[in-house]
Amino acid sequence: MPVHAYTPDYNGEVRDRVGNFHGNQIVYLGWDHHLMFCAAFAFPVPPTLTFRLLRDEVMVEGFEPHPEWSRIDWDRATWLLNGQVFEPQLDVALIDQGIDHKSLLRFQTPDLKGFQDAGV
């Protein structure tokens, strides 16, 4: 998402550009209706990482502490990529699915509504 400066002559250095992440890109991940997490997590991952590895290995680092994590039925989960409905292909690289630097992935779990239904 582009950021616009308040003054037209601003020339600051962009420090979160993809080139500063040593071959990785930042992907933001949020679990809708699960208020134990106040915001999406930022994960530095290689663009060639498959969606399956993102879901099954990387996401665990951030979301596993939630008491409902182990109860997710991934076949029923729905996804948004940058606000648009998204159907992940598990064995395809992130970049080949349009998931690039600073993309926001959100997922919903219709059977789970957060700790003690806090996300209802």
Protein backbone atom coordinates (compact mmCIF):
# COMPACT_ATOMS: atom_id res chain seq x y z
CA MET A 1 0.00 0.00 0.00
CA PRO A 2 1.48 3.36 -0.93
CA VAL A 3 2.15 5.96 1.72
CA HIS A 4 1.88 9.63 0.87
CA ALA A 5 3.95 12.27 2.65
CA TYR A 6 2.35 15.40 4.05
CA THR A 7 4.79 17.55 2.12
CA PRO A 8 5.56 17.14 -1.57
CA ASP A 9 9.33 17.52 -1.04
CA TYR A 10 9.70 14.69 1.52
CA ASN A 11 12.47 12.26 0.51
CA GLY A 12 12.83 9.76 3.37
CA GLU A 13 14.43 6.36 2.93
CA VAL A 14 12.02 3.44 2.67
CA ARG A 15 13.29 0.98 5.25
CA ASP A 16 10.70 -1.76 4.86
CA ARG A 17 11.28 -2.40 1.16
CA VAL A 18 11.59 -6.04 0.15
CA GLY A 19 15.32 -5.67 -0.59
CA ASN A 20 16.00 -5.18 3.11
CA PHE A 21 14.72 -8.63 4.11
CA HIS A 22 17.55 -10.82 2.76
CA GLY A 23 15.51 -12.72 0.19
CA ASN A 24 12.36 -12.84 2.30
CA GLN A 25 9.17 -10.87 2.05
CA ILE A 26 6.87 -9.79 4.87
CA VAL A 27 3.45 -11.45 4.92
CA TYR A 28 0.88 -10.26 7.45
CA LEU A 29 -1.49 -12.89 8.84
CA GLY A 30 -4.60 -12.30 10.92
CA TRP A 31 -7.21 -14.65 12.39
CA ASP A 32 -10.56 -12.87 12.26
CA HIS A 33 -12.75 -12.92 15.39
CA HIS A 34 -9.91 -14.12 17.59
CA LEU A 35 -9.30 -11.15 19.81
CA MET A 36 -6.48 -12.75 21.78
CA PHE A 37 -4.33 -11.28 18.99
CA CYS A 38 -4.70 -7.51 18.64
CA ALA A 39 -3.33 -7.31 15.11
CA ALA A 40 -2.04 -9.39 12.24
CA PHE A 41 1.35 -11.02 12.75
CA ALA A 42 4.21 -10.13 10.40
CA PHE A 43 6.19 -13.13 9.18
CA PRO A 44 9.37 -12.83 7.07
CA VAL A 45 9.17 -15.73 4.62
CA PRO A 46 10.73 -16.62 1.28
CA PRO A 47 8.43 -15.86 -1.66
CA THR A 48 8.95 -19.45 -2.86
CA LEU A 49 7.50 -20.92 0.35
CA THR A 50 4.41 -23.02 -0.35
CA PHE A 51 1.12 -22.10 1.23
CA ARG A 52 1.07 -25.48 2.99
CA LEU A 53 4.36 -24.72 4.75
CA LEU A 54 3.14 -21.25 5.64
CA ARG A 55 -0.02 -22.67 7.20
CA ASP A 56 1.39 -25.80 8.81
CA GLU A 57 4.77 -24.58 10.03
CA VAL A 58 5.12 -20.80 10.00
CA MET A 59 1.68 -19.81 11.31
CA VAL A 60 2.06 -22.17 14.24
CA GLU A 61 4.74 -19.86 15.69
CA GLY A 62 2.24 -17.06 16.19
CA PHE A 63 -1.14 -18.68 16.58
CA GLU A 64 -0.53 -21.93 18.48
CA PRO A 65 -0.89 -20.31 21.94
CA HIS A 66 -4.58 -19.74 21.19
CA PRO A 67 -6.70 -22.47 22.85
CA GLU A 68 -8.68 -23.04 19.63
CA TRP A 69 -5.71 -23.42 17.29
CA SER A 70 -5.65 -27.22 17.45
CA ARG A 71 -9.38 -27.36 16.67
CA ILE A 72 -9.22 -25.59 13.31
CA ASP A 73 -10.83 -27.48 10.45
CA TRP A 74 -8.74 -26.14 7.56
CA ASP A 75 -11.21 -27.54 5.03
CA ARG A 76 -13.83 -25.11 6.37
CA ALA A 77 -11.55 -22.10 6.83
CA THR A 78 -12.04 -19.16 4.47
CA TRP A 79 -9.35 -16.71 3.39
CA LEU A 80 -8.97 -13.11 2.26
CA LEU A 81 -5.92 -11.77 0.48
CA ASN A 82 -5.68 -7.99 0.68
CA GLY A 83 -9.43 -7.83 1.32
CA GLN A 84 -10.44 -10.10 -1.56
CA VAL A 85 -11.76 -13.67 -1.34
CA PHE A 86 -8.84 -16.04 -1.81
CA GLU A 87 -8.60 -19.80 -2.38
CA PRO A 88 -5.09 -20.93 -1.43
CA GLN A 89 -3.33 -23.60 -3.43
CA LEU A 90 -1.45 -25.58 -0.80
CA ASP A 91 1.51 -26.73 -2.87
CA VAL A 92 2.07 -23.54 -4.88
CA ALA A 93 4.58 -20.84 -3.92
CA LEU A 94 3.20 -17.76 -2.21
CA ILE A 95 4.49 -15.40 -4.90
CA ASP A 96 2.83 -17.49 -7.62
CA GLN A 97 -0.51 -16.96 -5.88
CA GLY A 98 -0.14 -13.19 -5.71
CA ILE A 99 1.06 -13.13 -2.10
CA ASP A 100 3.89 -10.64 -2.23
CA HIS A 101 5.74 -8.26 0.08
CA LYS A 102 3.42 -6.77 2.73
CA SER A 103 0.37 -8.74 1.61
CA LEU A 104 -2.32 -9.20 4.25
CA LEU A 105 -3.82 -12.67 4.57
CA ARG A 106 -6.80 -13.08 6.89
CA PHE A 107 -8.57 -16.30 7.70
CA GLN A 108 -11.89 -17.13 9.29
CA THR A 109 -12.85 -20.33 11.06
CA PRO A 110 -16.66 -20.55 10.97
CA ASP A 111 -16.89 -23.15 13.74
CA LEU A 112 -14.61 -21.23 16.12
CA LYS A 113 -15.45 -17.78 17.46
CA GLY A 114 -12.55 -17.00 19.76
CA PHE A 115 -11.80 -17.80 23.36
CA GLN A 116 -15.12 -18.12 25.21
CA ASP A 117 -16.83 -16.78 22.05
CA ALA A 118 -15.17 -13.38 22.49
CA GLY A 119 -15.14 -12.79 18.73
CA VAL A 120 -18.88 -13.20 18.19
